[in-house]
C-alpha atoms as a PDB file:
ATOM      1  CA  UNK A   1      51.705 188.775  97.021  1.00  0.00           C
ATOM      2  CA  UNK A   2      50.290 186.059  94.755  1.00  0.00           C
ATOM      3  CA  UNK A   3      48.026 186.687  91.778  1.00  0.00           C
ATOM      4  CA  UNK A   4      45.096 185.053  93.601  1.00  0.00           C
ATOM      5  CA  UNK A   5      45.444 187.356  96.617  1.00  0.00           C
ATOM      6  CA  UNK A   6      45.755 190.404  94.395  1.00  0.00           C
ATOM      7  CA  UNK A   7      42.683 189.329  92.451  1.00  0.00           C
ATOM      8  CA  UNK A   8      40.665 188.792  95.655  1.00  0.00           C
ATOM      9  CA  UNK A   9      41.552 192.285  96.902  1.00  0.00           C
ATOM     10  CA  UNK A  10      40.857 193.811  93.492  1.00  0.00           C
ATOM     11  CA  UNK A  11      37.381 192.241  93.530  1.00  0.00           C
ATOM     12  CA  UNK A  12      36.747 193.634  97.008  1.00  0.00           C
ATOM     13  CA  UNK A  13      37.869 197.087  95.847  1.00  0.00           C
ATOM     14  CA  UNK A  14      35.596 196.962  92.800  1.00  0.00           C
ATOM     15  CA  UNK A  15      38.510 197.169  90.377  1.00  0.00           C
ATOM     16  CA  UNK A  16      37.521 194.180  88.230  1.00  0.00           C
ATOM     17  CA  UNK A  17      35.074 194.086  85.351  1.00  0.00           C
ATOM     18  CA  UNK A  18      33.970 191.852  82.529  1.00  0.00           C
ATOM     19  CA  UNK A  19      35.628 188.454  82.224  1.00  0.00           C
ATOM     20  CA  UNK A  20      38.063 189.131  85.094  1.00  0.00           C
ATOM     21  CA  UNK A  21      35.195 189.902  87.478  1.00  0.00           C
ATOM     22  CA  UNK A  22      33.245 186.830  86.363  1.00  0.00           C
ATOM     23  CA  UNK A  23      36.316 184.646  86.880  1.00  0.00           C
ATOM     24  CA  UNK A  24      36.908 186.092  90.363  1.00  0.00           C
ATOM     25  CA  UNK A  25      33.268 185.555  91.384  1.00  0.00           C
ATOM     26  CA  UNK A  26      33.509 181.957  90.198  1.00  0.00           C
ATOM     27  CA  UNK A  27      36.627 181.551  92.362  1.00  0.00           C
ATOM     28  CA  UNK A  28      34.724 182.929  95.376  1.00  0.00           C
ATOM     29  CA  UNK A  29      32.072 180.238  94.832  1.00  0.00           C
ATOM     30  CA  UNK A  30      34.446 177.345  94.190  1.00  0.00           C
ATOM     31  CA  UNK A  31      37.677 178.068  96.085  1.00  0.00           C
ATOM     32  CA  UNK A  32      37.426 178.329  99.904  1.00  0.00           C
ATOM     33  CA  UNK A  33      40.854 179.943 100.183  1.00  0.00           C
ATOM     34  CA  UNK A  34      39.989 182.566  97.607  1.00  0.00           C
ATOM     35  CA  UNK A  35      36.618 183.177  99.276  1.00  0.00           C
ATOM     36  CA  UNK A  36      38.292 183.614 102.666  1.00  0.00           C
ATOM     37  CA  UNK A  37      40.797 186.086 101.277  1.00  0.00           C
ATOM     38  CA  UNK A  38      38.005 188.020  99.549  1.00  0.00           C
ATOM     39  CA  UNK A  39      35.954 188.120 102.749  1.00  0.00           C
ATOM     40  CA  UNK A  40      38.984 189.297 104.739  1.00  0.00           C
ATOM     41  CA  UNK A  41      39.632 192.037 102.147  1.00  0.00           C
ATOM     42  CA  UNK A  42      36.027 193.275 102.421  1.00  0.00           C
ATOM     43  CA  UNK A  43      36.248 193.283 106.238  1.00  0.00           C
ATOM     44  CA  UNK A  44      39.576 195.097 106.161  1.00  0.00           C
ATOM     45  CA  UNK A  45      38.187 197.681 103.745  1.00  0.00           C
ATOM     46  CA  UNK A  46      35.146 198.170 105.979  1.00  0.00           C
ATOM     47  CA  UNK A  47      37.292 198.654 109.078  1.00  0.00           C
ATOM     48  CA  UNK A  48      39.438 201.222 107.298  1.00  0.00           C
ATOM     49  CA  UNK A  49      36.344 203.117 106.206  1.00  0.00           C
ATOM     50  CA  UNK A  50      35.058 203.238 109.766  1.00  0.00           C
ATOM     51  CA  UNK A  51      38.320 204.174 111.449  1.00  0.00           C
ATOM     52  CA  UNK A  52      39.855 206.518 108.880  1.00  0.00           C
ATOM     53  CA  UNK A  53      37.820 209.448 107.641  1.00  0.00           C
ATOM     54  CA  UNK A  54      38.337 210.220 103.941  1.00  0.00           C
ATOM     55  CA  UNK A  55      40.842 212.943 103.076  1.00  0.00           C
ATOM     56  CA  UNK A  56      40.271 214.756  99.809  1.00  0.00           C
ATOM     57  CA  UNK A  57      43.629 215.922  98.491  1.00  0.00           C
ATOM     58  CA  UNK A  58      43.917 215.508  94.726  1.00  0.00           C
ATOM     59  CA  UNK A  59      47.549 216.612  94.569  1.00  0.00           C
ATOM     60  CA  UNK A  60      48.660 214.004  97.121  1.00  0.00           C
ATOM     61  CA  UNK A  61      46.639 211.327  95.382  1.00  0.00           C
ATOM     62  CA  UNK A  62      48.269 212.083  92.031  1.00  0.00           C
ATOM     63  CA  UNK A  63      51.700 211.874  93.656  1.00  0.00           C
ATOM     64  CA  UNK A  64      50.773 208.450  95.022  1.00  0.00           C
ATOM     65  CA  UNK A  65      49.546 207.292  91.627  1.00  0.00           C
ATOM     66  CA  UNK A  66      52.790 208.377  89.962  1.00  0.00           C
ATOM     67  CA  UNK A  67      54.754 206.530  92.630  1.00  0.00           C
ATOM     68  CA  UNK A  68      52.709 203.363  92.071  1.00  0.00           C
ATOM     69  CA  UNK A  69      53.324 203.645  88.319  1.00  0.00           C
ATOM     70  CA  UNK A  70      57.072 204.027  88.903  1.00  0.00           C
ATOM     71  CA  UNK A  71      57.155 200.928  91.120  1.00  0.00           C
ATOM     72  CA  UNK A  72      55.207 198.961  88.525  1.00  0.00           C
ATOM     73  CA  UNK A  73      57.586 200.028  85.713  1.00  0.00           C
ATOM     74  CA  UNK A  74      60.598 199.111  87.844  1.00  0.00           C
ATOM     75  CA  UNK A  75      59.218 195.638  88.461  1.00  0.00           C
ATOM     76  CA  UNK A  76      58.535 195.144  84.757  1.00  0.00           C
ATOM     77  CA  UNK A  77      62.044 196.308  83.854  1.00  0.00           C
ATOM     78  CA  UNK A  78      63.647 194.002  86.435  1.00  0.00           C
ATOM     79  CA  UNK A  79      61.606 191.080  85.138  1.00  0.00           C
ATOM     80  CA  UNK A  80      62.624 191.806  81.545  1.00  0.00           C
ATOM     81  CA  UNK A  81      66.315 192.204  82.384  1.00  0.00           C
ATOM     82  CA  UNK A  82      66.417 189.067  84.549  1.00  0.00           C
ATOM     83  CA  UNK A  83      64.648 187.018  81.908  1.00  0.00           C
ATOM     84  CA  UNK A  84      66.849 188.128  79.012  1.00  0.00           C
ATOM     85  CA  UNK A  85      70.147 188.745  80.828  1.00  0.00           C
ATOM     86  CA  UNK A  86      71.811 185.878  78.937  1.00  0.00           C
ATOM     87  CA  UNK A  87      70.808 187.464  75.623  1.00  0.00           C
ATOM     88  CA  UNK A  88      72.252 190.839  76.622  1.00  0.00           C
ATOM     89  CA  UNK A  89      75.514 189.117  77.643  1.00  0.00           C
ATOM     90  CA  UNK A  90      75.639 187.273  74.332  1.00  0.00           C
ATOM     91  CA  UNK A  91      75.114 190.488  72.358  1.00  0.00           C
ATOM     92  CA  UNK A  92      77.836 192.166  74.402  1.00  0.00           C
ATOM     93  CA  UNK A  93      80.295 189.334  73.765  1.00  0.00           C
ATOM     94  CA  UNK A  94      79.487 189.253  70.056  1.00  0.00           C
ATOM     95  CA  UNK A  95      80.182 192.978  69.916  1.00  0.00           C
ATOM     96  CA  UNK A  96      83.554 192.529  71.612  1.00  0.00           C
ATOM     97  CA  UNK A  97      84.666 189.670  69.372  1.00  0.00           C
ATOM     98  CA  UNK A  98      83.334 191.372  66.234  1.00  0.00           C
ATOM     99  CA  UNK A  99      85.340 194.486  67.031  1.00  0.00           C
ATOM    100  CA  UNK A 100      88.423 192.378  67.714  1.00  0.00           C
ATOM    101  CA  UNK A 101      87.919 190.488  64.452  1.00  0.00           C
ATOM    102  CA  UNK A 102      87.542 193.671  62.443  1.00  0.00           C
ATOM    103  CA  UNK A 103      90.632 195.114  64.068  1.00  0.00           C
ATOM    104  CA  UNK A 104      92.620 191.953  63.281  1.00  0.00           C
ATOM    105  CA  UNK A 105      91.417 191.697  59.677  1.00  0.00           C
ATOM    106  CA  UNK A 106      91.682 195.409  58.986  1.00  0.00           C
ATOM    107  CA  UNK A 107      95.098 195.765  60.662  1.00  0.00           C
ATOM    108  CA  UNK A 108      94.179 199.223  61.921  1.00  0.00           C
ATOM    109  CA  UNK A 109      96.728 201.519  60.255  1.00  0.00           C
ATOM    110  CA  UNK A 110     100.099 201.668  58.430  1.00  0.00           C
ATOM    111  CA  UNK A 111     103.381 202.004  60.279  1.00  0.00           C
ATOM    112  CA  UNK A 112     104.673 205.558  59.913  1.00  0.00           C
ATOM    113  CA  UNK A 113     108.171 206.833  59.060  1.00  0.00           C
ATOM    114  CA  UNK A 114     108.443 208.141  62.622  1.00  0.00           C
ATOM    115  CA  UNK A 115     108.692 204.514  63.796  1.00  0.00           C
ATOM    116  CA  UNK A 116     111.929 203.781  61.901  1.00  0.00           C
ATOM    117  CA  UNK A 117     114.257 204.952  64.674  1.00  0.00           C
ATOM    118  CA  UNK A 118     112.394 202.846  67.213  1.00  0.00           C
ATOM    119  CA  UNK A 119     112.617 199.704  65.067  1.00  0.00           C
ATOM    120  CA  UNK A 120     116.369 200.092  64.674  1.00  0.00           C
ATOM    121  CA  UNK A 121     117.286 201.390  68.132  1.00  0.00           C
ATOM    122  CA  UNK A 122     114.561 200.931  70.776  1.00  0.00           C
ATOM    123  CA  UNK A 123     113.882 197.190  70.752  1.00  0.00           C
ATOM    124  CA  UNK A 124     115.489 195.230  73.588  1.00  0.00           C
ATOM    125  CA  UNK A 125     117.745 192.239  72.746  1.00  0.00           C
ATOM    126  CA  UNK A 126     117.208 188.970  74.598  1.00  0.00           C
ATOM    127  CA  UNK A 127     119.118 185.719  74.844  1.00  0.00           C
ATOM    128  CA  UNK A 128     118.373 182.615  72.799  1.00  0.00           C
ATOM    129  CA  UNK A 129     119.982 179.196  72.466  1.00  0.00           C
ATOM    130  CA  UNK A 130     119.530 178.478  68.751  1.00  0.00           C
ATOM    131  CA  UNK A 131     117.667 179.417  65.582  1.00  0.00           C
ATOM    132  CA  UNK A 132     114.480 177.570  66.462  1.00  0.00           C
ATOM    133  CA  UNK A 133     114.510 179.035  69.966  1.00  0.00           C
ATOM    134  CA  UNK A 134     115.012 182.530  68.529  1.00  0.00           C
ATOM    135  CA  UNK A 135     112.089 182.181  66.110  1.00  0.00           C
ATOM    136  CA  UNK A 136     109.823 180.757  68.826  1.00  0.00           C
ATOM    137  CA  UNK A 137     110.736 183.579  71.190  1.00  0.00           C
ATOM    138  CA  UNK A 138     110.030 186.261  68.596  1.00  0.00           C
ATOM    139  CA  UNK A 139     106.697 184.702  67.715  1.00  0.00           C
ATOM    140  CA  UNK A 140     105.773 184.524  71.394  1.00  0.00           C
ATOM    141  CA  UNK A 141     106.896 188.109  72.102  1.00  0.00           C
ATOM    142  CA  UNK A 142     104.805 189.590  69.285  1.00  0.00           C
ATOM    143  CA  UNK A 143     101.758 187.359  69.706  1.00  0.00           C
ATOM    144  CA  UNK A 144     102.263 184.187  67.664  1.00  0.00           C
ATOM    145  CA  UNK A 145     103.464 185.752  64.419  1.00  0.00           C
ATOM    146  CA  UNK A 146     103.689 183.642  61.224  1.00  0.00           C
ATOM    147  CA  UNK A 147     106.174 180.769  61.239  1.00  0.00           C
ATOM    148  CA  UNK A 148     109.499 181.732  59.619  1.00  0.00           C
ATOM    149  CA  UNK A 149     112.136 179.511  58.038  1.00  0.00           C
ATOM    150  CA  UNK A 150     115.333 179.124  60.064  1.00  0.00           C
ATOM    151  CA  UNK A 151     117.381 177.850  57.091  1.00  0.00           C
ATOM    152  CA  UNK A 152     117.884 181.191  55.349  1.00  0.00           C
ATOM    153  CA  UNK A 153     120.681 182.609  57.459  1.00  0.00           C
ATOM    154  CA  UNK A 154     122.309 182.477  60.859  1.00  0.00           C
ATOM    155  CA  UNK A 155     120.472 184.456  63.497  1.00  0.00           C
ATOM    156  CA  UNK A 156     122.892 186.809  65.236  1.00  0.00           C
ATOM    157  CA  UNK A 157     120.558 188.798  67.469  1.00  0.00           C
ATOM    158  CA  UNK A 158     116.900 188.894  68.536  1.00  0.00           C
ATOM    159  CA  UNK A 159     115.102 191.882  70.076  1.00  0.00           C
ATOM    160  CA  UNK A 160     111.543 192.833  70.943  1.00  0.00           C
ATOM    161  CA  UNK A 161     109.486 195.710  72.319  1.00  0.00           C
ATOM    162  CA  UNK A 162     106.682 198.132  71.526  1.00  0.00           C
ATOM    163  CA  UNK A 163     106.594 200.362  68.457  1.00  0.00           C
ATOM    164  CA  UNK A 164     103.752 202.843  67.918  1.00  0.00           C
ATOM    165  CA  UNK A 165     101.664 200.987  70.489  1.00  0.00           C
ATOM    166  CA  UNK A 166     102.173 197.611  68.794  1.00  0.00           C
ATOM    167  CA  UNK A 167     104.349 194.638  69.662  1.00  0.00           C
ATOM    168  CA  UNK A 168     107.388 194.271  67.427  1.00  0.00           C
ATOM    169  CA  UNK A 169     110.387 191.974  67.000  1.00  0.00           C
ATOM    170  CA  UNK A 170     113.716 192.299  65.161  1.00  0.00           C
ATOM    171  CA  UNK A 171     115.959 189.493  63.943  1.00  0.00           C
ATOM    172  CA  UNK A 172     119.495 190.284  62.798  1.00  0.00           C
ATOM    173  CA  UNK A 173     120.466 187.686  60.164  1.00  0.00           C
ATOM    174  CA  UNK A 174     123.755 186.822  58.476  1.00  0.00           C
ATOM    175  CA  UNK A 175     123.524 184.998  55.138  1.00  0.00           C
ATOM    176  CA  UNK A 176     127.296 185.021  54.533  1.00  0.00           C
ATOM    177  CA  UNK A 177     127.160 188.266  52.563  1.00  0.00           C
ATOM    178  CA  UNK A 178     126.522 190.650  55.433  1.00  0.00           C
ATOM    179  CA  UNK A 179     123.791 191.460  57.938  1.00  0.00           C
ATOM    180  CA  UNK A 180     120.095 191.719  57.099  1.00  0.00           C
ATOM    181  CA  UNK A 181     117.314 192.830  59.434  1.00  0.00           C
ATOM    182  CA  UNK A 182     113.884 191.248  59.601  1.00  0.00           C
ATOM    183  CA  UNK A 183     111.198 193.217  61.468  1.00  0.00           C
ATOM    184  CA  UNK A 184     107.900 191.669  62.577  1.00  0.00           C
ATOM    185  CA  UNK A 185     105.199 194.153  63.649  1.00  0.00           C
ATOM    186  CA  UNK A 186     101.800 193.187  65.026  1.00  0.00           C
ATOM    187  CA  UNK A 187      98.658 194.765  63.569  1.00  0.00           C
ATOM    188  CA  UNK A 188     100.161 196.948  60.797  1.00  0.00           C
ATOM    189  CA  UNK A 189      99.064 196.864  57.167  1.00  0.00           C
ATOM    190  CA  UNK A 190     102.093 198.525  55.533  1.00  0.00           C
ATOM    191  CA  UNK A 191     105.083 200.784  56.062  1.00  0.00           C
ATOM    192  CA  UNK A 192     104.601 204.296  54.692  1.00  0.00           C
ATOM    193  CA  UNK A 193     108.009 204.446  53.000  1.00  0.00           C
ATOM    194  CA  UNK A 194     107.474 201.308  50.922  1.00  0.00           C
ATOM    195  CA  UNK A 195     105.094 202.357  48.164  1.00  0.00           C
ATOM    196  CA  UNK A 196     106.162 200.346  45.101  1.00  0.00           C
ATOM    197  CA  UNK A 197     104.167 197.136  44.705  1.00  0.00           C
ATOM    198  CA  UNK A 198     106.132 194.342  43.029  1.00  0.00           C
ATOM    199  CA  UNK A 199     105.068 190.672  42.872  1.00  0.00           C
ATOM    200  CA  UNK A 200     103.147 190.781  46.143  1.00  0.00           C
ATOM    201  CA  UNK A 201     105.769 192.845  47.986  1.00  0.00           C
ATOM    202  CA  UNK A 202     105.889 196.532  48.819  1.00  0.00           C
ATOM    203  CA  UNK A 203     109.346 197.887  48.005  1.00  0.00           C
ATOM    204  CA  UNK A 204     111.329 201.046  48.712  1.00  0.00           C
ATOM    205  CA  UNK A 205     113.932 202.318  51.135  1.00  0.00           C
ATOM    206  CA  UNK A 206     114.121 202.369  54.899  1.00  0.00           C
ATOM    207  CA  UNK A 207     116.877 204.172  56.782  1.00  0.00           C
ATOM    208  CA  UNK A 208     118.789 204.522  53.474  1.00  0.00           C
ATOM    209  CA  UNK A 209     118.660 200.762  52.893  1.00  0.00           C
ATOM    210  CA  UNK A 210     116.584 198.821  50.368  1.00  0.00           C
ATOM    211  CA  UNK A 211     113.567 197.097  51.926  1.00  0.00           C
ATOM    212  CA  UNK A 212     110.674 194.850  50.976  1.00  0.00           C
ATOM    213  CA  UNK A 213     107.584 194.136  53.077  1.00  0.00           C
ATOM    214  CA  UNK A 214     104.608 191.784  53.106  1.00  0.00           C
ATOM    215  CA  UNK A 215     101.747 190.939  55.439  1.00  0.00           C
ATOM    216  CA  UNK A 216     100.754 187.599  56.901  1.00  0.00           C
ATOM    217  CA  UNK A 217      97.924 186.732  59.342  1.00  0.00           C
ATOM    218  CA  UNK A 218      97.724 190.200  60.852  1.00  0.00           C
ATOM    219  CA  UNK A 219     101.464 190.969  60.895  1.00  0.00           C
ATOM    220  CA  UNK A 220     103.704 193.231  58.862  1.00  0.00           C
ATOM    221  CA  UNK A 221     107.134 191.798  57.997  1.00  0.00           C
ATOM    222  CA  UNK A 222     109.937 193.994  56.647  1.00  0.00           C
ATOM    223  CA  UNK A 223     113.252 192.724  55.305  1.00  0.00           C
ATOM    224  CA  UNK A 224     115.981 195.396  55.192  1.00  0.00           C
ATOM    225  CA  UNK A 225     119.606 195.203  54.124  1.00  0.00           C
ATOM    226  CA  UNK A 226     122.425 196.130  51.715  1.00  0.00           C
ATOM    227  CA  UNK A 227     120.881 194.172  48.840  1.00  0.00           C
ATOM    228  CA  UNK A 228     118.954 195.070  45.736  1.00  0.00           C
ATOM    229  CA  UNK A 229     115.185 194.526  45.620  1.00  0.00           C
ATOM    230  CA  UNK A 230     115.447 191.286  43.643  1.00  0.00           C
ATOM    231  CA  UNK A 231     117.805 189.749  46.214  1.00  0.00           C
ATOM    232  CA  UNK A 232     115.611 190.867  49.097  1.00  0.00           C
ATOM    233  CA  UNK A 233     112.518 189.388  47.452  1.00  0.00           C
ATOM    234  CA  UNK A 234     114.345 186.107  46.939  1.00  0.00           C
ATOM    235  CA  UNK A 235     115.398 186.012  50.594  1.00  0.00           C
ATOM    236  CA  UNK A 236     111.856 186.932  51.667  1.00  0.00           C
ATOM    237  CA  UNK A 237     110.525 183.994  49.641  1.00  0.00           C
ATOM    238  CA  UNK A 238     112.861 181.623  51.482  1.00  0.00           C
ATOM    239  CA  UNK A 239     111.893 183.094  54.854  1.00  0.00           C
ATOM    240  CA  UNK A 240     108.238 182.555  54.054  1.00  0.00           C
ATOM    241  CA  UNK A 241     108.797 178.961  52.916  1.00  0.00           C
ATOM    242  CA  UNK A 242     108.125 177.681  56.430  1.00  0.00           C
ATOM    243  CA  UNK A 243     104.362 178.373  56.023  1.00  0.00           C
END
């Protein structure tokens, strides 16, 4: 029902006053369609009065009024939601991306000692054709980890999997003096066993081997092997030189 029809019926029912009533009366005088609708409303109201005797039931009337109010509120709510749906969607998306950004920047939590066995034993090896292929595969498996130099040592084995609910990769390297392990873990800020901070690295022991760790673009990297801390830091610097 249009606003004009509603206004014509409201005038016939005596529901208008003041400026609204004056405007409706002016429409009756100047708009034939409005006048016809108003006349029909008066006739309809008269017919109802003649055919239907009044029923005085206050309780039923109040129930009807509450129902009318509920319908009116529903219409207003639907209008508001339809009009601003795009804004609600935008707020929702901003919330999602903000939470994701905070999670990425904050790197949720450290990697616990209970994850050591999984890093060494539970990751699954996969085939590769060369050093560059191995690095690319590891980065892809753990979600585009930082670029690593392939000139440090020969890559003997590559493995990947999930550790503590996070994607992880392991590269077994040989620099001519024995094997070294490089772990790459998504979304971790530190490893609990490496508590000594030295020149931007966290140092300590891991599975009875010396280890150094650092973070880069949301990833924790841990270099472990039969070396002293100075040698591991030097190797870590070469690995990071690809950035």
